[in-house]
Structure formats: C-alpha cells, structure tokens
Amino acid sequence: MKIFSEELVAEAAKACHVADLSHATIGETLLVAQYLEQKTGIPFIRMDQGSPGLPANQYGIEAEKRALDSGIASQYPAAAGIPELKQAAAEFVKAFMNIDISPRACIPTVGSVAGSFGGFIACCQRDPKKDKVLFIDPGFPIQKSQLRILGIEWREFDIYPFRGEALRDKLEQELAAGDIAAIIYSNPNNPAWISMEEEELQIIGEMADKYDVIIMEDLAYFAMDSRHDLSHPYAEPYVRTVARYTDNYLLMLSSSKIFSYAGQRMALVCISDTLFDRHFPALAERYHDTGVFGPTFIASIQYMITSGCTASTQYAYAEMLRLSCEGKINFVEDTREYAVRAQKMKKIFCDNGFTITYPRDVTEEIGDGFFFSLSYPGMTGSELVKELIHYGVSSINLDTTGSLQQGVRACTSRMRNELYDVLDERMRQFREDHG
C-alpha cells in the first residue's frame, strides 16, 4: 500500500509546478518531497539533492573568523587568489595526488560550478575549430545547463558498455572529427559512483594528447573511494587522476563535500603548468590580451564571472588544505560516514528486489560513498522515480544525467540513523506491491 496516494502526489506536483515527475530536476523533486512532508507530517527518505550531511570542518570556520577579524572584508580579493590558498592547493595536490602544479596555476573559484563555467569558455574559445564538449556520462546535469547558457554544443556517451580498453575505440570515434575542445567527467562519479581505473585514465590522457583536447576532471568527491585508504599525505596509494598521463588538464577541487563547506562556495581549478603557459592566438584576438591560457582564464574570463572569491573563505580553505597535508585533518575518515550509509542503504534495497545499476568498475565492484544507482526489475527509470515518491522516497531519474540505463540516483547525504528501519519497512511494502 502506497504511503502517498496518486491524488496527493498529483496535487504536490501541480502545486510545485512540476510538469513531469518522472523527469523532474533535482530541485523539482526536492520541492515535491518538501510539499508532501509539510502536508502530511510523514518524513521522506531524501535521496534527491547531494547536499553535505555532515558538520562543516571546524578548522575552516575558525580560520574564516580570524580572517574576518583581521579586517580583510573591506578589501577586494585578487582574482588569482590569496597566496596562502594557492600555496596550500599546490601542496595538497602533491600530497594526495603526487602531481606537481605550481601555486600560480591553482585558481580559486566560487564552487566547482563556477570553475566549470569558466573552463568551458576558455576551452571552447582557444581554437575556432574546436567548439564542442564531450561528456563521459552519466554526469552532473548542471554542466550541460551551463553549455545551454553559453550556446556551446556537446556530445555525450554512457560509459556503461565502454569500460577498460573499449573506451579507447569509443573516444577515437568521438574525437576523430577534431571538433571536441574538452572532455569532462567526475571521478568518483556523480551519479553512479563508478571510478575510472588507471588503464582508463591513461587512455583518456593519450587521447587528449593525440587530439589536443583539454580534460576537465571534476574531483568533487576527492579521495572518497572507500575501497582504498587514500588518507595518508605523501604516501601511496594516491588519488587516481588523468594528470599522470597528459598535461592537457584542469582539475576541479571543491571544498563542499570533503570539508562539508558547501555553504561558502569555494573550490579550485588547478591547471597544468604546460597548459597554463600555452599561447592561443584565438584567445589573444578575442580578449586583446596575451592569449596565454592561464592569465586569460583568470583575468579575462573567471573574474567576469565571480569578481574574485570571498577572501575569508579562501583563508578557510587554505587552512583546511594545509592541515590535511600535515596530517592534522583526516578528511577521508571524516567523510567515511557516507560509505557506511551507502552500505546500509544498498543492503535494504537489494534485499527487497532492487539491483545496483552500475555495479562494477573494470576490475572491482564499485565502492560505497556519496551516491549509488538503483534499478528495479520491469521498471524504467521514469516509472521507478515516480513510484518511489509514493513510498516516501525521493530520487532522480538516471536519464537526466545522460545515462542510457534504467534506474535512479540515490544520495546518502541526508540519511539518518532513525530512518533505516523506516526505509526497510517502506521497501518491504514496495516489494510486496510490485511482486
């Protein structure tokens, strides 16, 4: 028996101006869930929005307070970022990825969303022949929304059947026309939590060099692959990255998930020194500057988007990065709670007839973490996302992320201890109702 009737769900959708629940955005799903909770007092299992579910890092908070007390609020921040953050960023990349990037090439942005927005502009304007972006999906829907705003075309493919060496032929096929400026993906992945393995990253790096494509690697869930202990600075294993295999890259490092600092909107775009110094005549002609990629990205593009990043938050991020390098903050252990939640939630779903839509990487089962994907026999993703709402569980359809698989994305961030039994009871009922 459904918790919320067809009539009540339809009322919620109408009240929230949601035309089609089966293909609702994250924000639309959130509104419907909130409406039903407020209308009935019945709690939802909120698997829709990927907002941090842990307290913000206290070291960052204290550093930001000290920065404000010092009087910096009266001064505009430099577009390139404060020296303390740039130095800490370069050290952090070295400590946890074993990659050398100079501080000058580590640029703060107002969240990775602003970083990708500026990155798309710079990548797609550097060469008139390269004007499209390639998405290795499933991925973050907002990035395609950014391209709609910018009027940039894209191509996409679901990586599900192209893992391992099969990725090479697929990329050759997509890149052969020579019109792809950038490739973007997240690692670990939003929404499926798959992770690129070394073989795949090497293939991507080799293709980047062969076709002069810039890789935009979104590391929003940095070191949150629970299968490997990535918590020790300056020690193996290091976080996997395409930066080992090419110099054509932008790394996006966000404070939102690893330090639960989402409300302050702070991230970094770390550009390889080779790309940072590379000259592009098309950029020089457009912006009437030197046409050097890094300075153009900072002064002629990113500054026009953000006018610089909040100075006090830069000091907070710098402190958290610095203390992580010194081993005084173990952000990997701090965020392990998401893996614990995922393990419990996946067991409940799988015990009640669900399957994990993206169950494996090339050589391992996927780990547990911030997201996972779910399918149910005989149901499309559209049917499943809508049906789950009637049982007080909100999610998003995988097809909104570029996936061709039938299922939904589940987020662990809002799960609470008292809701596991509630989820179990509801999914038992779901199974009874659906055979």
Protein backbone atom coordinates (compact mmCIF):
# COMPACT_ATOMS: atom_id res chain seq x y z
CA MET A 1 0.00 0.00 0.00
CA LYS A 2 1.37 3.38 -1.02
CA ILE A 3 2.06 5.98 1.67
CA PHE A 4 1.11 8.88 -0.58
CA SER A 5 -1.88 8.44 -2.89
CA GLU A 6 -1.89 9.18 -6.60
CA GLU A 7 -4.14 12.15 -5.93
CA LEU A 8 -1.86 13.64 -3.25
CA VAL A 9 1.28 13.24 -5.35
CA ALA A 10 -0.50 14.83 -8.31
CA GLU A 11 -1.56 17.70 -6.05
CA ALA A 12 2.04 18.18 -4.91
CA ALA A 13 3.35 18.20 -8.46
CA LYS A 14 0.75 20.74 -9.55
CA ALA A 15 1.36 22.96 -6.54
CA CYS A 16 5.11 22.91 -7.21
CA HIS A 17 4.64 23.50 -10.96
CA VAL A 18 6.33 20.21 -11.88
CA ALA A 19 5.08 19.11 -15.27
CA ASP A 20 6.57 15.60 -15.29
CA LEU A 21 7.68 13.89 -12.08
CA SER A 22 9.36 11.08 -13.97
CA HIS A 23 11.89 13.51 -15.48
CA ALA A 24 11.95 16.12 -12.69
CA THR A 25 15.13 18.00 -11.92
CA ILE A 26 16.78 17.69 -8.53
CA GLY A 27 15.23 20.99 -7.45
CA GLU A 28 11.75 19.98 -8.61
CA THR A 29 11.95 16.63 -6.82
CA LEU A 30 13.07 18.41 -3.67
CA LEU A 31 10.05 20.74 -3.80
CA VAL A 32 7.58 17.86 -4.21
CA ALA A 33 9.14 15.95 -1.30
CA GLN A 34 9.02 19.03 0.91
CA TYR A 35 5.40 19.69 -0.02
CA LEU A 36 4.34 16.14 0.87
CA GLU A 37 6.27 16.22 4.15
CA GLN A 38 4.72 19.51 5.18
CA LYS A 39 1.23 18.48 4.07
CA THR A 40 1.22 15.15 5.92
CA GLY A 41 3.96 15.29 8.56
CA ILE A 42 5.30 11.99 7.19
CA PRO A 43 9.10 12.09 6.77
CA PHE A 44 10.67 11.46 3.36
CA ILE A 45 13.77 9.41 2.72
CA ARG A 46 15.59 12.20 0.90
CA MET A 47 17.87 10.76 -1.78
CA ASP A 48 17.48 13.66 -4.21
CA GLN A 49 19.85 16.56 -3.51
CA GLY A 50 23.57 15.96 -2.99
CA SER A 51 24.00 18.44 -0.15
CA PRO A 52 26.53 17.59 2.58
CA GLY A 53 25.04 15.80 5.57
CA LEU A 54 27.96 16.34 7.96
CA PRO A 55 29.03 19.38 10.02
CA ALA A 56 31.35 21.89 8.35
CA ASN A 57 35.01 21.50 9.22
CA GLN A 58 35.68 23.46 12.40
CA TYR A 59 39.23 24.41 11.44
CA GLY A 60 37.86 26.17 8.38
CA ILE A 61 35.25 28.01 10.40
CA GLU A 62 37.82 29.27 12.91
CA ALA A 63 40.23 30.33 10.16
CA GLU A 64 37.46 32.24 8.42
CA LYS A 65 36.55 34.02 11.66
CA ARG A 66 40.18 35.04 12.18
CA ALA A 67 40.37 36.33 8.63
CA LEU A 68 37.27 38.47 9.10
CA ASP A 69 38.55 39.77 12.43
CA SER A 70 41.74 40.89 10.68
CA GLY A 71 39.78 43.39 8.59
CA ILE A 72 40.03 41.80 5.15
CA ALA A 73 36.32 42.29 4.48
CA SER A 74 36.97 45.87 3.39
CA GLN A 75 39.28 44.85 0.52
CA TYR A 76 38.53 43.26 -2.83
CA PRO A 77 40.19 39.84 -3.20
CA ALA A 78 42.70 39.38 -6.01
CA ALA A 79 41.29 37.50 -8.98
CA ALA A 80 44.14 34.97 -8.91
CA GLY A 81 43.51 34.15 -5.24
CA ILE A 82 45.36 34.76 -2.00
CA PRO A 83 48.94 33.41 -1.86
CA GLU A 84 48.16 31.23 1.17
CA LEU A 85 45.45 29.29 -0.70
CA LYS A 86 47.46 28.94 -3.89
CA GLN A 87 50.44 27.54 -1.99
CA ALA A 88 48.26 25.19 0.08
CA ALA A 89 46.49 23.97 -3.07
CA ALA A 90 49.73 23.11 -4.83
CA GLU A 91 50.94 21.27 -1.72
CA PHE A 92 47.63 19.40 -1.38
CA VAL A 93 47.77 18.19 -4.98
CA LYS A 94 51.32 16.98 -4.37
CA ALA A 95 50.47 15.33 -1.04
CA PHE A 96 47.39 13.40 -2.16
CA MET A 97 47.86 13.00 -5.92
CA ASN A 98 51.66 13.13 -6.28
CA ILE A 99 51.25 15.69 -9.06
CA ASP A 100 53.36 18.84 -9.35
CA ILE A 101 51.43 22.03 -10.12
CA SER A 102 52.84 25.45 -9.29
CA PRO A 103 50.84 27.71 -6.93
CA ARG A 104 50.29 30.29 -9.68
CA ALA A 105 48.25 27.70 -11.63
CA CYS A 106 45.87 26.96 -8.71
CA ILE A 107 42.95 29.36 -9.02
CA PRO A 108 40.07 29.73 -6.54
CA THR A 109 36.54 29.73 -7.94
CA VAL A 110 33.09 30.16 -6.43
CA GLY A 111 32.46 26.42 -6.23
CA SER A 112 33.32 23.96 -8.97
CA VAL A 113 30.21 25.13 -10.83
CA ALA A 114 31.89 28.50 -11.49
CA GLY A 115 35.10 26.66 -12.30
CA SER A 116 33.49 24.51 -14.97
CA PHE A 117 31.61 27.51 -16.37
CA GLY A 118 34.85 29.44 -16.91
CA GLY A 119 36.63 26.30 -18.03
CA PHE A 120 34.10 25.63 -20.77
CA ILE A 121 34.54 29.17 -22.06
CA ALA A 122 38.33 29.04 -22.12
CA CYS A 123 38.50 25.57 -23.65
CA CYS A 124 35.97 26.24 -26.39
CA GLN A 125 37.33 29.66 -27.40
CA ARG A 126 41.01 28.71 -27.67
CA ASP A 127 40.70 27.19 -31.16
CA PRO A 128 37.94 28.08 -33.66
CA LYS A 129 37.94 24.52 -34.99
CA LYS A 130 37.26 23.06 -31.55
CA ASP A 131 33.88 24.24 -30.33
CA LYS A 132 32.21 21.26 -28.65
CA VAL A 133 32.42 19.45 -25.30
CA LEU A 134 32.33 15.67 -24.86
CA PHE A 135 30.66 14.28 -21.73
CA ILE A 136 31.62 10.88 -20.42
CA ASP A 137 28.27 10.12 -18.82
CA PRO A 138 26.49 9.65 -16.53
CA GLY A 139 27.32 13.06 -15.15
CA PHE A 140 26.29 16.26 -13.40
CA PRO A 141 23.26 17.74 -15.25
CA ILE A 142 24.12 21.34 -14.33
CA GLN A 143 27.20 21.26 -16.54
CA LYS A 144 25.04 20.73 -19.61
CA SER A 145 22.79 23.55 -18.43
CA GLN A 146 25.88 25.76 -18.40
CA LEU A 147 26.57 24.90 -22.03
CA ARG A 148 22.98 25.80 -22.92
CA ILE A 149 23.56 29.25 -21.43
CA LEU A 150 26.84 29.61 -23.31
CA GLY A 151 25.45 28.30 -26.60
CA ILE A 152 28.11 25.58 -26.76
CA GLU A 153 27.20 22.26 -28.37
CA TRP A 154 28.12 18.92 -26.83
CA ARG A 155 28.23 15.22 -27.49
CA GLU A 156 27.85 12.53 -24.87
CA PHE A 157 28.02 8.80 -24.32
CA ASP A 158 27.15 6.48 -21.46
CA ILE A 159 30.37 4.77 -20.32
CA TYR A 160 28.49 1.65 -19.14
CA PRO A 161 29.43 -0.53 -22.19
CA PHE A 162 32.80 1.16 -22.77
CA ARG A 163 34.84 0.33 -19.68
CA GLY A 164 38.53 -0.56 -19.90
CA GLU A 165 40.17 -0.88 -23.31
CA ALA A 166 36.77 -0.44 -25.01
CA LEU A 167 36.98 3.22 -24.01
CA ARG A 168 39.83 3.79 -26.48
CA ASP A 169 37.83 2.93 -29.57
CA LYS A 170 34.86 4.94 -28.35
CA LEU A 171 36.99 8.03 -27.75
CA GLU A 172 38.67 7.61 -31.14
CA GLN A 173 35.22 7.57 -32.70
CA GLU A 174 34.09 10.68 -30.82
CA LEU A 175 37.29 12.69 -31.30
CA ALA A 176 38.12 11.84 -34.90
CA ALA A 177 36.23 14.84 -36.33
CA GLY A 178 38.60 17.20 -34.49
CA ASP A 179 35.86 19.47 -33.13
CA ILE A 180 35.99 18.46 -29.44
CA ALA A 181 37.61 21.12 -27.26
CA ALA A 182 37.20 19.43 -23.88
CA ILE A 183 36.19 16.17 -22.22
CA ILE A 184 34.51 16.29 -18.81
CA TYR A 185 33.73 13.61 -16.23
CA SER A 186 33.62 13.23 -12.45
CA ASN A 187 35.76 10.75 -10.53
CA PRO A 188 34.32 9.22 -8.33
CA ASN A 189 31.27 9.65 -10.43
CA ASN A 190 28.10 11.59 -9.76
CA PRO A 191 25.60 9.82 -10.02
CA ALA A 192 26.79 6.20 -10.28
CA TRP A 193 29.87 6.25 -8.01
CA ILE A 194 31.91 4.41 -10.59
CA SER A 195 35.59 5.37 -10.67
CA MET A 196 37.94 5.49 -13.63
CA GLU A 197 40.73 2.96 -13.28
CA GLU A 198 44.35 3.68 -14.20
CA GLU A 199 44.03 1.98 -17.59
CA GLU A 200 41.08 4.21 -18.48
CA LEU A 201 42.75 7.39 -17.27
CA GLN A 202 45.81 6.54 -19.34
CA ILE A 203 43.61 6.07 -22.40
CA ILE A 204 41.91 9.43 -21.79
CA GLY A 205 45.28 11.12 -21.35
CA GLU A 206 46.67 9.61 -24.55
CA MET A 207 43.58 10.68 -26.50
CA ALA A 208 43.87 14.19 -25.04
CA ASP A 209 47.40 14.49 -26.42
CA LYS A 210 46.58 12.87 -29.76
CA TYR A 211 43.61 15.15 -30.48
CA ASP A 212 44.64 18.25 -28.47
CA VAL A 213 41.67 18.02 -26.12
CA ILE A 214 41.60 19.52 -22.61
CA ILE A 215 40.40 17.17 -19.87
CA MET A 216 38.18 18.75 -17.21
CA GLU A 217 38.39 16.32 -14.30
CA ASP A 218 35.78 17.02 -11.63
CA LEU A 219 37.09 15.81 -8.27
CA ALA A 220 34.17 16.97 -6.12
CA TYR A 221 34.31 13.69 -4.13
CA PHE A 222 38.07 13.73 -3.74
CA ALA A 223 39.54 10.62 -2.09
CA MET A 224 36.06 9.32 -1.18
CA ASP A 225 36.62 5.93 -2.86
CA SER A 226 36.08 3.75 0.21
CA ARG A 227 37.84 0.71 -1.30
CA HIS A 228 41.29 2.27 -0.88
CA ASP A 229 42.88 4.12 2.03
CA LEU A 230 43.68 7.49 0.47
CA SER A 231 44.02 9.36 3.76
CA HIS A 232 47.81 9.49 4.10
CA PRO A 233 49.56 12.55 2.61
CA TYR A 234 52.76 11.96 0.63
CA ALA A 235 52.19 8.19 0.60
CA GLU A 236 50.75 5.61 -1.77
CA PRO A 237 48.08 4.92 -2.80
CA TYR A 238 47.50 8.34 -4.34
CA VAL A 239 44.21 9.58 -5.74
CA ARG A 240 43.83 8.50 -9.36
CA THR A 241 43.98 11.28 -11.93
CA VAL A 242 44.39 11.85 -15.65
CA ALA A 243 47.14 14.33 -14.74
CA ARG A 244 49.57 11.39 -14.67
CA TYR A 245 49.07 10.85 -18.39
CA THR A 246 48.67 14.27 -20.02
CA ASP A 247 49.42 17.95 -19.47
CA ASN A 248 46.11 18.96 -21.09
CA TYR A 249 44.01 19.16 -17.95
CA LEU A 250 42.02 21.23 -15.49
CA LEU A 251 41.43 19.64 -12.08
CA MET A 252 38.41 20.92 -10.14
CA LEU A 253 38.76 20.56 -6.36
CA SER A 254 35.76 21.56 -4.28
CA SER A 255 35.56 22.18 -0.53
CA SER A 256 31.84 21.33 -0.48
CA LYS A 257 31.93 17.58 0.16
CA ILE A 258 35.38 16.75 1.53
CA PHE A 259 35.22 19.50 4.16
CA SER A 260 31.41 19.90 4.22
CA TYR A 261 31.98 23.57 3.40
CA ALA A 262 29.31 23.83 0.72
CA GLY A 263 27.61 26.95 2.02
CA GLN A 264 30.72 29.06 1.48
CA ARG A 265 31.04 28.19 -2.22
CA MET A 266 34.77 27.59 -2.56
CA ALA A 267 36.71 25.44 -4.99
CA LEU A 268 39.90 25.44 -7.04
CA VAL A 269 40.73 24.98 -10.68
CA CYS A 270 44.26 23.56 -10.87
CA ILE A 271 45.72 23.86 -14.36
CA SER A 272 48.81 22.03 -15.54
CA ASP A 273 51.77 24.39 -15.85
CA THR A 274 52.17 23.41 -19.50
CA LEU A 275 48.58 24.39 -20.33
CA PHE A 276 48.71 27.45 -18.07
CA ASP A 277 51.60 28.85 -20.16
CA ARG A 278 50.28 27.83 -23.55
CA HIS A 279 49.58 30.62 -26.05
CA PHE A 280 46.41 30.62 -28.15
CA PRO A 281 46.08 33.27 -30.90
CA ALA A 282 42.28 32.98 -30.80
CA LEU A 283 42.22 33.97 -27.12
CA ALA A 284 44.56 36.92 -27.77
CA GLU A 285 42.35 38.15 -30.59
CA ARG A 286 39.12 37.83 -28.59
CA TYR A 287 40.31 39.33 -25.31
CA HIS A 288 43.04 41.68 -26.53
CA ASP A 289 45.45 40.18 -24.06
CA THR A 290 48.49 37.91 -24.34
CA GLY A 291 46.35 34.90 -25.23
CA VAL A 292 48.17 32.79 -22.64
CA PHE A 293 45.67 30.26 -21.29
CA GLY A 294 46.17 30.72 -17.53
CA PRO A 295 46.20 34.53 -17.31
CA THR A 296 43.30 34.74 -19.77
CA PHE A 297 41.29 32.24 -17.73
CA ILE A 298 41.91 34.25 -14.54
CA ALA A 299 41.62 37.86 -15.64
CA SER A 300 39.55 37.87 -18.82
CA ILE A 301 37.09 35.04 -18.05
CA GLN A 302 36.83 33.93 -14.43
CA TYR A 303 36.94 37.44 -13.00
CA MET A 304 33.99 38.39 -15.20
CA ILE A 305 32.01 35.54 -13.62
CA THR A 306 32.89 35.95 -9.93
CA SER A 307 34.84 39.23 -9.48
CA GLY A 308 37.09 37.16 -7.25
CA CYS A 309 36.23 34.72 -4.49
CA THR A 310 35.25 35.63 -0.92
CA ALA A 311 38.54 36.39 0.80
CA SER A 312 37.68 34.98 4.22
CA THR A 313 36.60 31.66 2.70
CA GLN A 314 39.87 31.46 0.81
CA TYR A 315 41.68 31.59 4.15
CA ALA A 316 39.38 28.87 5.47
CA TYR A 317 40.07 26.59 2.51
CA ALA A 318 43.80 27.28 2.73
CA GLU A 319 43.83 26.25 6.39
CA MET A 320 41.91 23.04 5.76
CA LEU A 321 44.18 22.06 2.88
CA ARG A 322 47.31 22.91 4.85
CA LEU A 323 46.28 20.92 7.90
CA SER A 324 45.33 17.97 5.68
CA CYS A 325 48.84 17.94 4.23
CA GLU A 326 50.24 17.98 7.77
CA GLY A 327 48.03 15.05 8.79
CA LYS A 328 46.13 17.14 11.35
CA ILE A 329 42.85 16.84 9.44
CA ASN A 330 41.82 13.42 8.16
CA PHE A 331 39.10 14.48 5.75
CA VAL A 332 38.92 10.96 4.30
CA GLU A 333 37.97 9.49 7.66
CA ASP A 334 35.62 12.42 8.32
CA THR A 335 33.61 11.61 5.18
CA ARG A 336 33.64 7.82 5.60
CA GLU A 337 30.19 8.12 7.18
CA TYR A 338 28.76 8.37 3.65
CA ALA A 339 30.21 4.95 2.81
CA VAL A 340 28.64 3.50 5.97
CA ARG A 341 25.27 4.92 4.98
CA ALA A 342 25.58 3.66 1.41
CA GLN A 343 26.37 0.14 2.57
CA LYS A 344 23.31 0.03 4.83
CA MET A 345 21.00 1.60 2.27
CA LYS A 346 22.16 -0.63 -0.59
CA LYS A 347 21.56 -3.71 1.55
CA ILE A 348 18.00 -2.64 2.31
CA PHE A 349 17.23 -2.00 -1.35
CA CYS A 350 18.94 -5.15 -2.64
CA ASP A 351 17.24 -7.31 0.00
CA ASN A 352 13.96 -6.06 -1.42
CA GLY A 353 14.48 -6.83 -5.09
CA PHE A 354 16.47 -3.82 -6.31
CA THR A 355 19.81 -4.07 -8.11
CA ILE A 356 22.73 -1.65 -8.43
CA THR A 357 22.53 -0.18 -11.93
CA TYR A 358 26.26 0.49 -12.26
CA PRO A 359 27.66 -2.35 -10.12
CA ARG A 360 31.31 -2.50 -11.21
CA ASP A 361 34.37 -0.70 -12.38
CA VAL A 362 36.71 -2.66 -14.64
CA THR A 363 38.33 -4.91 -12.02
CA GLU A 364 36.33 -4.22 -8.84
CA GLU A 365 32.81 -3.79 -7.60
CA ILE A 366 32.06 -0.12 -7.04
CA GLY A 367 32.76 1.25 -3.59
CA ASP A 368 30.35 2.81 -1.13
CA GLY A 369 30.09 6.56 -0.85
CA PHE A 370 28.04 9.66 -1.52
CA PHE A 371 25.92 8.25 -4.38
CA PHE A 372 24.78 4.95 -5.84
CA SER A 373 22.38 3.86 -8.59
CA LEU A 374 19.30 1.64 -8.33
CA SER A 375 17.14 -0.36 -10.73
CA TYR A 376 14.03 -2.47 -10.21
CA PRO A 377 13.01 -5.40 -12.47
CA GLY A 378 10.46 -4.49 -15.11
CA MET A 379 10.53 -0.75 -14.38
CA THR A 380 12.01 2.06 -16.41
CA GLY A 381 13.84 4.83 -14.60
CA SER A 382 10.88 7.11 -15.27
CA GLU A 383 8.48 4.67 -13.66
CA LEU A 384 10.75 3.97 -10.72
CA VAL A 385 11.45 7.57 -9.73
CA LYS A 386 7.74 8.35 -9.77
CA GLU A 387 6.73 5.15 -7.97
CA LEU A 388 9.27 5.66 -5.18
CA ILE A 389 7.76 9.06 -4.38
CA HIS A 390 4.51 7.29 -3.46
CA TYR A 391 6.52 5.34 -0.86
CA GLY A 392 8.14 8.45 0.59
CA VAL A 393 11.50 8.08 -1.15
CA SER A 394 12.81 10.86 -3.40
CA SER A 395 15.46 10.30 -6.07
CA ILE A 396 16.27 11.43 -9.61
CA ASN A 397 15.95 9.60 -12.90
CA LEU A 398 19.29 8.46 -14.30
CA ASP A 399 18.27 9.65 -17.74
CA THR A 400 18.63 13.25 -16.54
CA THR A 401 22.35 12.53 -16.07
CA GLY A 402 23.00 11.23 -19.58
CA SER A 403 22.67 7.58 -18.61
CA LEU A 404 21.06 5.11 -21.00
CA GLN A 405 20.41 2.63 -18.19
CA GLN A 406 17.02 2.29 -16.50
CA GLY A 407 17.29 3.40 -12.88
CA VAL A 408 17.57 6.22 -10.39
CA ARG A 409 20.31 8.02 -8.48
CA ALA A 410 20.37 7.67 -4.71
CA CYS A 411 22.23 10.08 -2.46
CA THR A 412 23.30 9.10 1.07
CA SER A 413 23.94 12.55 2.48
CA ARG A 414 20.58 13.12 4.18
CA MET A 415 20.16 9.65 5.62
CA ARG A 416 19.76 9.48 9.41
CA ASN A 417 20.04 6.54 11.81
CA GLU A 418 16.39 6.65 12.75
CA LEU A 419 15.35 6.31 9.09
CA TYR A 420 16.93 2.93 8.27
CA ASP A 421 14.04 1.00 9.79
CA VAL A 422 11.60 3.33 8.03
CA LEU A 423 13.32 2.73 4.70
CA ASP A 424 13.34 -1.02 5.28
CA GLU A 425 9.63 -1.07 6.08
CA ARG A 426 8.75 1.01 3.02
CA MET A 427 10.86 -1.09 0.65
CA ARG A 428 9.36 -4.31 2.01
CA GLN A 429 5.98 -2.83 1.20
CA PHE A 430 7.24 -1.75 -2.23
CA ARG A 431 8.34 -5.30 -2.97
CA GLU A 432 5.04 -6.75 -1.81
CA ASP A 433 3.15 -4.33 -4.03
CA HIS A 434 5.30 -4.95 -7.10
CA GLY A 435 5.84 -8.70 -6.92
